[in-house]
Amino acid sequence: MTSFESLRTHLRGELITPESSEYDAARRLWNGMVDKRPAGIARCSGVVDVVACVRYAAEHNVLLAIRGGGHNVAGLAMCDDGLVVDLSRMKGAHVDPRSRTIRAQGGMCWGDFDRETHLFGLATTGGAVSTTGIAGLTLGGGVGWLNGRCGFVCDNVRSFEVVTADGRVRVASADEHPDLYWALRGGGGNFGVVTSFEFQLYPISTVIGGLLVHPLERGRDVLRFYRDYVASAPDELTVYAAALTTPDGLEALALVPCYCGEDLEEGARLLEPLRRFGPPIADLVVPMPYVVMQQMLDAACPYGIHSYWKSNFMRDLTDDGIDTFVEFARGRTSPRTIAVIEHYHGQALRVPPDATAFALRTESFDLVILTQWEGGDAEPHIQWARKFWTAMKPSSAGTVYVNALSADEESRLREAYGANYERLAEVKAKYDPSNMFRVNHNIRPLAAAI
């Protein structure tokens, strides 16, 4: 058992070991299925602590994991027997309203982040659940309600402060280490511990959003209308569709719009056809602060839920694909399970696929099957998700968002990066030739790549 005595002398933050009373709470992640037991968890107080951990791991050949928000479905924020660099206490932020930027530390979640930016009437793309960490979402590419107007999350990072495998603190930007800057925008946690991010912000404060709830029995008609409606959506309007169970037990198909333009009257006009169709049995769409929109789905994805995901981008949302989606939605094995069709368009798809490591810029629809349950036997839920995903393969584009990969899907990694994979392996070989940062959806250094 590693004692970490020499590491303790270099830490200002707390080192938690299996003997600590806080150990079980400290290793808990969003996905309750994950039960990993690290030898140590270093709750870092700042960049110096992160450097100490990385140098210690290199010197003692200790397996290293990185925890930001701990929200990854694959549980990659923890490892067995190794050392976890826990950034969760590093939540500092500074907003510059003149340049419309924020410098945010790597332990922030989007709820923390949005609270800081909203004070100044500013925002940037940042997921759909406020308990998600900014680090993991950004490094994997990052999707959210503002994709159409602002691009993906990684498109809005101006610079990264990162501790690389040699224990050095580097700034990666368009002007400094541009190869590393390219790789960090979508390449995951493969290249170091990102201690802070500089994001571009936009004047977004109030949005029009909420849920339009239809009974699932009308799901086919609703999804056909949805497909045609979003085809002409302006950049400022994003709409997702989700099969879910309402709190009162209704099997439903919900449309979830978010209009983030400056002209709310125009937004209301654009949303009128969506709100009239059906009509819905519940119309919960209203103007609201963006921070409220960001927290709207938190209760549907609570911390500690057991979860298994399957996902892929779709070439198109065909009639046959819609029929299959609705058929499997009816057979969900848990009322907690949500099957989502996300629509991407606008600025997110105008960025060339090779401009950042995040290459998935051609398909507009993404299928995400979020199987969730309270506990007990996981197998029925996992098998249902796999069968659903397999049945949808005729619509698949053969690509997948890396942040949606479950722990058993490492073989799909090249689907996440396409033609960018080899370049990522080259950057990996330059900055992490020994593959120290491998507790992730791992891109091996070029010399070791198959």
Protein backbone atom coordinates (compact mmCIF):
# COMPACT_ATOMS: atom_id res chain seq x y z
CA MET A 1 0.00 0.00 0.00
CA THR A 2 1.34 3.42 -0.99
CA SER A 3 1.98 5.63 2.03
CA PHE A 4 2.18 8.97 0.18
CA GLU A 5 4.34 10.34 3.02
CA SER A 6 6.58 12.36 0.73
CA LEU A 7 3.55 13.70 -1.14
CA ARG A 8 1.89 14.89 2.09
CA THR A 9 4.78 17.23 2.78
CA HIS A 10 4.16 19.05 -0.52
CA LEU A 11 0.38 19.40 -0.28
CA ARG A 12 -1.53 22.29 1.18
CA GLY A 13 -4.77 20.49 0.40
CA GLU A 14 -6.06 17.32 2.03
CA LEU A 15 -4.88 13.77 1.29
CA ILE A 16 -7.62 11.22 1.89
CA THR A 17 -6.77 7.52 2.24
CA PRO A 18 -8.89 4.42 2.92
CA GLU A 19 -8.41 4.98 6.65
CA SER A 20 -9.96 8.47 6.47
CA SER A 21 -13.52 8.95 7.70
CA GLU A 22 -14.29 10.90 4.53
CA TYR A 23 -12.98 8.24 2.16
CA ASP A 24 -16.28 6.76 0.98
CA ALA A 25 -17.84 10.18 0.43
CA ALA A 26 -14.75 11.42 -1.41
CA ARG A 27 -14.76 8.55 -3.90
CA ARG A 28 -18.47 8.86 -4.69
CA LEU A 29 -19.26 9.85 -8.27
CA TRP A 30 -22.38 10.83 -10.17
CA ASN A 31 -22.80 7.30 -11.58
CA GLY A 32 -23.70 5.11 -8.60
CA MET A 33 -22.57 2.01 -10.50
CA VAL A 34 -18.94 3.05 -10.09
CA ASP A 35 -17.26 1.64 -6.96
CA LYS A 36 -13.53 2.25 -7.31
CA ARG A 37 -11.12 2.32 -4.37
CA PRO A 38 -8.09 4.56 -4.93
CA ALA A 39 -5.12 4.40 -2.59
CA GLY A 40 -5.27 8.17 -2.16
CA ILE A 41 -7.41 11.17 -3.09
CA ALA A 42 -5.58 14.49 -3.11
CA ARG A 43 -8.02 17.37 -2.69
CA CYS A 44 -5.84 20.01 -4.29
CA SER A 45 -5.96 23.59 -3.08
CA GLY A 46 -4.24 25.03 -6.14
CA VAL A 47 -1.87 24.49 -9.04
CA VAL A 48 1.13 23.76 -6.79
CA ASP A 49 -0.71 20.79 -5.28
CA VAL A 50 -1.53 19.48 -8.77
CA VAL A 51 2.13 19.73 -9.78
CA ALA A 52 3.14 17.84 -6.63
CA CYS A 53 0.71 15.03 -7.44
CA VAL A 54 1.83 14.68 -11.04
CA ARG A 55 5.50 14.66 -10.10
CA TYR A 56 4.88 12.15 -7.32
CA ALA A 57 2.99 9.83 -9.67
CA ALA A 58 5.78 10.02 -12.23
CA GLU A 59 8.53 9.37 -9.69
CA HIS A 60 6.74 6.46 -7.98
CA ASN A 61 4.98 5.00 -11.03
CA VAL A 62 1.56 5.50 -9.43
CA LEU A 63 -1.62 5.27 -11.50
CA LEU A 64 -3.22 8.71 -11.78
CA ALA A 65 -6.86 9.74 -12.24
CA ILE A 66 -8.28 13.26 -12.50
CA ARG A 67 -11.51 14.38 -10.88
CA GLY A 68 -13.27 17.57 -11.90
CA GLY A 69 -17.03 17.28 -11.46
CA GLY A 70 -17.10 13.47 -11.32
CA HIS A 71 -20.05 13.38 -13.71
CA ASN A 72 -18.64 11.11 -16.43
CA VAL A 73 -20.87 8.06 -17.00
CA ALA A 74 -17.83 5.79 -17.38
CA GLY A 75 -16.55 6.73 -13.92
CA LEU A 76 -13.17 7.91 -15.22
CA ALA A 77 -12.67 10.35 -12.34
CA MET A 78 -11.64 7.47 -10.06
CA CYS A 79 -9.22 4.54 -10.26
CA ASP A 80 -8.46 1.48 -8.20
CA ASP A 81 -5.26 1.56 -6.09
CA GLY A 82 -3.87 4.75 -7.62
CA LEU A 83 -3.91 8.47 -6.82
CA VAL A 84 -6.82 10.77 -7.67
CA VAL A 85 -6.03 14.41 -8.39
CA ASP A 86 -9.24 15.92 -7.06
CA LEU A 87 -9.89 19.47 -8.30
CA SER A 88 -13.30 19.84 -6.65
CA ARG A 89 -12.03 22.45 -4.15
CA MET A 90 -10.59 24.58 -6.98
CA LYS A 91 -13.62 26.71 -7.90
CA GLY A 92 -12.16 30.17 -8.32
CA ALA A 93 -13.34 32.37 -11.19
CA HIS A 94 -12.84 35.87 -12.52
CA VAL A 95 -15.17 37.46 -15.07
CA ASP A 96 -13.95 40.36 -17.20
CA PRO A 97 -17.13 42.01 -18.54
CA ARG A 98 -15.19 44.28 -20.87
CA SER A 99 -13.56 41.48 -22.82
CA ARG A 100 -16.50 39.15 -22.12
CA THR A 101 -14.24 36.42 -20.79
CA ILE A 102 -13.95 34.30 -17.67
CA ARG A 103 -10.96 32.51 -16.15
CA ALA A 104 -12.42 29.49 -14.33
CA GLN A 105 -10.64 26.82 -12.30
CA GLY A 106 -10.99 23.17 -13.21
CA GLY A 107 -13.05 22.11 -10.20
CA MET A 108 -16.06 24.23 -11.09
CA CYS A 109 -19.37 22.72 -12.14
CA TRP A 110 -21.61 24.53 -14.59
CA GLY A 111 -23.86 25.69 -11.78
CA ASP A 112 -20.88 27.47 -10.20
CA PHE A 113 -19.78 28.85 -13.56
CA ASP A 114 -23.18 30.16 -14.64
CA ARG A 115 -23.72 31.88 -11.28
CA GLU A 116 -20.55 33.92 -11.83
CA THR A 117 -21.24 34.86 -15.46
CA HIS A 118 -24.96 35.57 -15.00
CA LEU A 119 -24.18 38.45 -12.65
CA PHE A 120 -22.81 40.28 -15.71
CA GLY A 121 -25.54 39.13 -18.12
CA LEU A 122 -23.11 36.79 -19.86
CA ALA A 123 -22.98 33.07 -20.69
CA THR A 124 -21.40 30.49 -22.95
CA THR A 125 -22.34 26.97 -24.03
CA GLY A 126 -22.24 24.69 -21.00
CA GLY A 127 -24.18 21.45 -21.02
CA ALA A 128 -27.73 20.86 -19.79
CA VAL A 129 -27.23 19.69 -16.18
CA SER A 130 -25.69 22.14 -13.72
CA THR A 131 -23.85 19.50 -11.64
CA THR A 132 -21.68 18.54 -14.63
CA GLY A 133 -18.04 19.62 -14.28
CA ILE A 134 -16.75 22.26 -16.67
CA ALA A 135 -13.48 20.36 -17.19
CA GLY A 136 -14.77 17.02 -18.41
CA LEU A 137 -17.49 18.53 -20.58
CA THR A 138 -15.12 21.03 -22.22
CA LEU A 139 -12.24 18.62 -22.79
CA GLY A 140 -14.58 16.15 -24.51
CA GLY A 141 -15.94 18.83 -26.84
CA GLY A 142 -19.03 19.94 -24.93
CA VAL A 143 -22.62 20.34 -26.09
CA GLY A 144 -25.44 22.41 -24.64
CA TRP A 145 -28.39 24.71 -25.20
CA LEU A 146 -26.31 27.47 -26.82
CA ASN A 147 -24.62 25.32 -29.53
CA GLY A 148 -26.31 27.02 -32.46
CA ARG A 149 -25.46 30.58 -31.46
CA CYS A 150 -22.13 30.08 -29.68
CA GLY A 151 -20.70 26.78 -30.97
CA PHE A 152 -19.66 23.82 -28.87
CA VAL A 153 -18.03 24.40 -25.48
CA CYS A 154 -14.51 23.70 -26.75
CA ASP A 155 -14.95 26.31 -29.51
CA ASN A 156 -15.14 29.00 -26.84
CA VAL A 157 -11.94 28.23 -24.92
CA ARG A 158 -9.34 30.92 -25.51
CA SER A 159 -6.65 29.30 -23.39
CA PHE A 160 -5.92 26.45 -20.98
CA GLU A 161 -3.57 26.31 -18.00
CA VAL A 162 -2.44 22.70 -17.86
CA VAL A 163 0.01 20.60 -15.86
CA THR A 164 1.60 18.14 -18.28
CA ALA A 165 3.19 14.77 -17.55
CA ASP A 166 6.63 16.31 -16.92
CA GLY A 167 5.19 18.35 -14.04
CA ARG A 168 5.43 21.64 -15.92
CA VAL A 169 2.70 24.27 -15.97
CA ARG A 170 1.96 25.32 -19.51
CA VAL A 171 -0.48 27.73 -21.13
CA ALA A 172 -2.03 26.36 -24.31
CA SER A 173 -3.59 28.86 -26.69
CA ALA A 174 -3.54 29.84 -30.34
CA ASP A 175 -0.16 31.52 -29.67
CA GLU A 176 1.42 29.18 -27.09
CA HIS A 177 1.69 25.43 -27.65
CA PRO A 178 -0.92 25.56 -30.43
CA ASP A 179 -0.72 21.80 -30.97
CA LEU A 180 -1.69 21.19 -27.35
CA TYR A 181 -4.41 23.84 -27.62
CA TRP A 182 -5.86 22.01 -30.61
CA ALA A 183 -5.79 18.65 -28.81
CA LEU A 184 -7.35 19.90 -25.56
CA ARG A 185 -10.40 21.12 -27.46
CA GLY A 186 -12.07 17.73 -27.62
CA GLY A 187 -9.27 15.26 -26.88
CA GLY A 188 -10.35 14.59 -23.29
CA GLY A 189 -8.08 14.26 -20.28
CA ASN A 190 -5.28 12.65 -22.27
CA PHE A 191 -2.80 15.50 -22.21
CA GLY A 192 -2.57 16.74 -18.65
CA VAL A 193 -4.46 18.18 -15.71
CA VAL A 194 -6.21 21.37 -16.80
CA THR A 195 -6.23 23.66 -13.77
CA SER A 196 -8.06 26.58 -15.39
CA PHE A 197 -9.85 27.59 -18.58
CA GLU A 198 -10.33 30.97 -20.23
CA PHE A 199 -13.72 31.08 -21.99
CA GLN A 200 -15.29 33.53 -24.40
CA LEU A 201 -18.69 34.75 -23.16
CA TYR A 202 -21.76 36.17 -24.89
CA PRO A 203 -24.51 38.61 -23.84
CA ILE A 204 -27.12 36.02 -22.84
CA SER A 205 -29.18 36.44 -19.69
CA THR A 206 -32.85 35.59 -20.34
CA VAL A 207 -33.92 32.71 -22.59
CA ILE A 208 -37.25 31.18 -23.54
CA GLY A 209 -37.30 27.54 -22.53
CA GLY A 210 -39.08 24.71 -20.80
CA LEU A 211 -40.92 21.51 -21.73
CA LEU A 212 -43.77 20.76 -24.10
CA VAL A 213 -45.16 17.44 -22.89
CA HIS A 214 -47.00 15.05 -25.21
CA PRO A 215 -48.25 11.54 -24.42
CA LEU A 216 -45.82 8.93 -25.78
CA GLU A 217 -48.66 7.34 -27.75
CA ARG A 218 -48.48 10.39 -30.04
CA GLY A 219 -44.68 10.19 -30.16
CA ARG A 220 -44.38 9.27 -33.84
CA ASP A 221 -46.34 12.31 -35.00
CA VAL A 222 -44.52 14.59 -32.58
CA LEU A 223 -41.07 13.44 -33.72
CA ARG A 224 -41.95 13.80 -37.39
CA PHE A 225 -43.08 17.36 -36.74
CA TYR A 226 -39.96 17.98 -34.63
CA ARG A 227 -37.68 16.77 -37.45
CA ASP A 228 -39.25 19.17 -39.94
CA TYR A 229 -39.42 22.07 -37.49
CA VAL A 230 -35.74 22.06 -36.46
CA ALA A 231 -34.60 21.83 -40.08
CA SER A 232 -35.22 25.58 -40.40
CA ALA A 233 -34.38 26.61 -36.82
CA PRO A 234 -32.24 29.76 -36.52
CA ASP A 235 -28.94 29.67 -34.67
CA GLU A 236 -30.55 31.06 -31.52
CA LEU A 237 -33.01 28.16 -31.15
CA THR A 238 -32.08 24.67 -29.96
CA VAL A 239 -34.69 21.96 -29.43
CA TYR A 240 -34.18 18.49 -27.97
CA ALA A 241 -36.73 15.66 -27.90
CA ALA A 242 -36.87 13.22 -24.99
CA ALA A 243 -38.86 10.13 -24.08
CA LEU A 244 -39.34 10.20 -20.32
CA THR A 245 -41.69 9.48 -17.45
CA THR A 246 -43.29 12.49 -15.81
CA PRO A 247 -43.37 12.81 -12.00
CA ASP A 248 -46.99 11.63 -12.02
CA GLY A 249 -46.09 8.48 -13.99
CA LEU A 250 -47.13 9.47 -17.53
CA GLU A 251 -45.10 7.95 -20.38
CA ALA A 252 -44.30 11.07 -22.38
CA LEU A 253 -42.47 12.53 -25.36
CA ALA A 254 -41.26 16.01 -24.41
CA LEU A 255 -39.89 18.69 -26.68
CA VAL A 256 -37.40 20.93 -24.88
CA PRO A 257 -36.68 24.24 -26.62
CA CYS A 258 -34.23 26.96 -25.66
CA TYR A 259 -34.27 30.28 -27.51
CA CYS A 260 -31.22 32.39 -26.60
CA GLY A 261 -31.56 35.34 -28.97
CA GLU A 262 -31.68 38.95 -27.85
CA ASP A 263 -35.17 39.57 -29.32
CA LEU A 264 -37.51 37.61 -27.05
CA GLU A 265 -40.56 38.70 -29.05
CA GLU A 266 -39.02 37.10 -32.12
CA GLY A 267 -38.29 34.00 -30.06
CA ALA A 268 -41.91 33.78 -28.95
CA ARG A 269 -43.03 34.04 -32.58
CA LEU A 270 -40.63 31.30 -33.67
CA LEU A 271 -41.81 28.99 -30.90
CA GLU A 272 -45.51 29.45 -31.61
CA PRO A 273 -45.80 26.57 -34.17
CA LEU A 274 -43.97 24.23 -31.78
CA ARG A 275 -46.29 25.16 -28.93
CA ARG A 276 -49.46 24.81 -31.03
CA PHE A 277 -48.68 21.39 -32.46
CA GLY A 278 -50.61 18.54 -30.89
CA PRO A 279 -51.44 20.45 -28.77
CA PRO A 280 -49.24 19.37 -25.84
CA ILE A 281 -50.90 18.23 -22.64
CA ALA A 282 -48.56 20.55 -20.74
CA ASP A 283 -46.87 23.71 -21.98
CA LEU A 284 -44.17 24.75 -19.52
CA VAL A 285 -42.30 27.08 -21.88
CA VAL A 286 -41.69 30.55 -20.43
CA PRO A 287 -39.02 33.28 -20.41
CA MET A 288 -36.52 32.43 -17.68
CA PRO A 289 -32.98 33.28 -16.57
CA TYR A 290 -30.42 31.15 -18.40
CA VAL A 291 -29.22 29.80 -15.04
CA VAL A 292 -32.73 28.41 -14.42
CA MET A 293 -32.73 26.71 -17.82
CA GLN A 294 -29.39 25.15 -16.91
CA GLN A 295 -30.81 23.65 -13.72
CA MET A 296 -34.15 22.55 -15.15
CA LEU A 297 -33.09 18.93 -15.77
CA ASP A 298 -30.97 18.43 -12.63
CA ALA A 299 -33.65 16.44 -10.82
CA ALA A 300 -33.91 14.03 -13.74
CA CYS A 301 -30.21 13.10 -13.40
CA PRO A 302 -29.52 13.07 -9.64
CA TYR A 303 -26.08 12.45 -8.19
CA GLY A 304 -25.66 8.78 -7.23
CA ILE A 305 -28.14 7.36 -9.75
CA HIS A 306 -27.05 4.09 -11.43
CA SER A 307 -26.54 4.76 -15.12
CA TYR A 308 -25.46 3.16 -18.39
CA TRP A 309 -25.44 5.03 -21.71
CA LYS A 310 -25.44 4.13 -25.39
CA SER A 311 -25.16 6.79 -28.05
CA ASN A 312 -24.33 7.64 -31.64
CA PHE A 313 -24.82 10.39 -34.17
CA MET A 314 -27.50 9.72 -36.78
CA ARG A 315 -27.21 10.27 -40.53
CA ASP A 316 -30.84 11.40 -40.47
CA LEU A 317 -33.95 11.09 -38.36
CA THR A 318 -35.90 8.78 -40.67
CA ASP A 319 -39.49 7.56 -40.29
CA ASP A 320 -38.17 4.07 -39.55
CA GLY A 321 -35.78 5.46 -36.96
CA ILE A 322 -38.62 7.36 -35.31
CA ASP A 323 -40.77 4.22 -35.21
CA THR A 324 -37.93 2.26 -33.57
CA PHE A 325 -37.26 5.05 -31.07
CA VAL A 326 -40.89 5.16 -29.94
CA GLU A 327 -41.16 1.36 -29.79
CA PHE A 328 -38.17 1.05 -27.46
CA ALA A 329 -39.18 4.10 -25.43
CA ARG A 330 -42.38 2.26 -24.56
CA GLY A 331 -40.33 -0.66 -23.24
CA ARG A 332 -38.04 1.29 -20.91
CA THR A 333 -37.01 -0.78 -17.90
CA SER A 334 -37.00 2.11 -15.42
CA PRO A 335 -39.04 5.29 -15.01
CA ARG A 336 -35.74 7.10 -14.50
CA THR A 337 -34.52 6.25 -18.01
CA ILE A 338 -34.50 9.00 -20.63
CA ALA A 339 -33.95 8.57 -24.37
CA VAL A 340 -32.93 11.83 -26.04
CA ILE A 341 -32.57 13.09 -29.59
CA GLU A 342 -30.36 16.17 -29.56
CA HIS A 343 -30.26 18.58 -32.49
CA TYR A 344 -27.05 20.43 -33.42
CA HIS A 345 -26.83 23.19 -36.01
CA GLY A 346 -25.64 26.72 -36.61
CA GLN A 347 -22.23 27.85 -35.40
CA ALA A 348 -21.38 24.42 -33.95
CA LEU A 349 -21.45 22.86 -37.42
CA ARG A 350 -19.70 25.74 -39.23
CA VAL A 351 -16.35 25.04 -37.57
CA PRO A 352 -14.24 22.76 -39.82
CA PRO A 353 -13.87 19.21 -38.43
CA ASP A 354 -10.07 19.54 -38.25
CA ALA A 355 -10.05 22.96 -36.57
CA THR A 356 -10.25 21.32 -33.14
CA ALA A 357 -9.86 17.76 -31.90
CA PHE A 358 -13.67 17.58 -31.74
CA ALA A 359 -14.40 16.42 -35.28
CA LEU A 360 -18.14 15.66 -35.15
CA ARG A 361 -19.41 18.59 -37.19
CA THR A 362 -21.47 17.04 -39.99
CA GLU A 363 -24.53 15.29 -38.50
CA SER A 364 -27.37 17.23 -36.92
CA PHE A 365 -28.98 14.54 -34.74
CA ASP A 366 -27.46 12.68 -31.81
CA LEU A 367 -29.15 9.75 -30.08
CA VAL A 368 -28.38 9.46 -26.36
CA ILE A 369 -29.91 6.60 -24.37
CA LEU A 370 -29.50 7.47 -20.69
CA THR A 371 -30.48 4.31 -18.87
CA GLN A 372 -30.94 5.18 -15.18
CA TRP A 373 -32.21 3.19 -12.21
CA GLU A 374 -32.13 3.35 -8.43
CA GLY A 375 -30.09 0.19 -7.79
CA GLY A 376 -30.35 -3.59 -7.79
CA ASP A 377 -29.73 -5.80 -10.81
CA ALA A 378 -28.17 -3.74 -13.60
CA GLU A 379 -28.40 -6.35 -16.34
CA PRO A 380 -32.01 -5.80 -17.53
CA HIS A 381 -31.36 -2.08 -17.94
CA ILE A 382 -28.03 -2.53 -19.73
CA GLN A 383 -29.43 -5.18 -22.09
CA TRP A 384 -32.40 -2.97 -22.97
CA ALA A 385 -30.07 -0.07 -23.81
CA ARG A 386 -27.87 -2.27 -25.99
CA LYS A 387 -30.86 -3.69 -27.87
CA PHE A 388 -32.27 -0.20 -28.40
CA TRP A 389 -28.94 1.07 -29.71
CA THR A 390 -28.54 -1.95 -32.02
CA ALA A 391 -32.05 -1.50 -33.41
CA MET A 392 -31.18 2.14 -34.24
CA LYS A 393 -27.97 1.25 -36.12
CA PRO A 394 -29.55 1.60 -39.59
CA SER A 395 -29.74 5.35 -38.85
CA SER A 396 -26.26 5.56 -37.33
CA ALA A 397 -23.55 7.75 -38.83
CA GLY A 398 -20.89 5.55 -37.21
CA THR A 399 -19.68 8.34 -34.93
CA VAL A 400 -20.08 8.98 -31.20
CA TYR A 401 -19.58 11.87 -28.79
CA VAL A 402 -16.72 10.82 -26.52
CA ASN A 403 -18.40 12.11 -23.36
CA ALA A 404 -21.29 9.70 -23.97
CA LEU A 405 -19.14 6.54 -24.05
CA SER A 406 -19.74 4.04 -21.27
CA ALA A 407 -16.91 2.15 -19.57
CA ASP A 408 -17.21 -0.88 -21.87
CA GLU A 409 -16.88 1.06 -25.14
CA GLU A 410 -13.16 1.71 -25.57
CA SER A 411 -13.30 -0.07 -28.93
CA ARG A 412 -15.42 2.82 -30.24
CA LEU A 413 -12.81 5.51 -29.53
CA ARG A 414 -11.91 6.09 -33.17
CA GLU A 415 -15.60 6.75 -33.87
CA ALA A 416 -15.23 9.80 -31.63
CA TYR A 417 -12.25 11.32 -33.45
CA GLY A 418 -12.30 10.07 -37.04
CA ALA A 419 -9.52 11.55 -39.14
CA ASN A 420 -8.23 13.53 -36.13
CA TYR A 421 -7.18 10.41 -34.20
CA GLU A 422 -3.66 10.07 -35.63
CA ARG A 423 -2.88 13.73 -35.02
CA LEU A 424 -4.09 13.35 -31.44
CA ALA A 425 -1.79 10.33 -30.99
CA GLU A 426 1.13 12.48 -32.19
CA VAL A 427 0.35 15.25 -29.69
CA LYS A 428 -0.04 12.61 -26.98
CA ALA A 429 3.42 11.24 -27.78
CA LYS A 430 4.90 14.74 -27.47
CA TYR A 431 3.34 15.72 -24.14
CA ASP A 432 2.70 12.34 -22.47
CA PRO A 433 4.96 9.73 -24.10
CA SER A 434 4.63 7.27 -21.18
CA ASN A 435 0.81 7.53 -21.18
CA MET A 436 0.66 8.69 -17.58
CA PHE A 437 -2.79 10.14 -18.24
CA ARG A 438 -4.56 6.94 -19.22
CA VAL A 439 -7.54 6.78 -16.85
CA ASN A 440 -9.75 8.27 -19.55
CA HIS A 441 -11.03 7.32 -22.98
CA ASN A 442 -7.42 6.76 -23.79
CA ILE A 443 -5.55 7.95 -26.86
CA ARG A 444 -2.28 6.10 -26.73
CA PRO A 445 0.96 7.83 -27.79
CA LEU A 446 1.68 7.34 -31.46
CA ALA A 447 4.51 4.85 -30.91
CA ALA A 448 2.12 2.62 -28.95
CA ALA A 449 -0.96 3.24 -31.09
CA ILE A 450 -2.39 0.36 -33.10
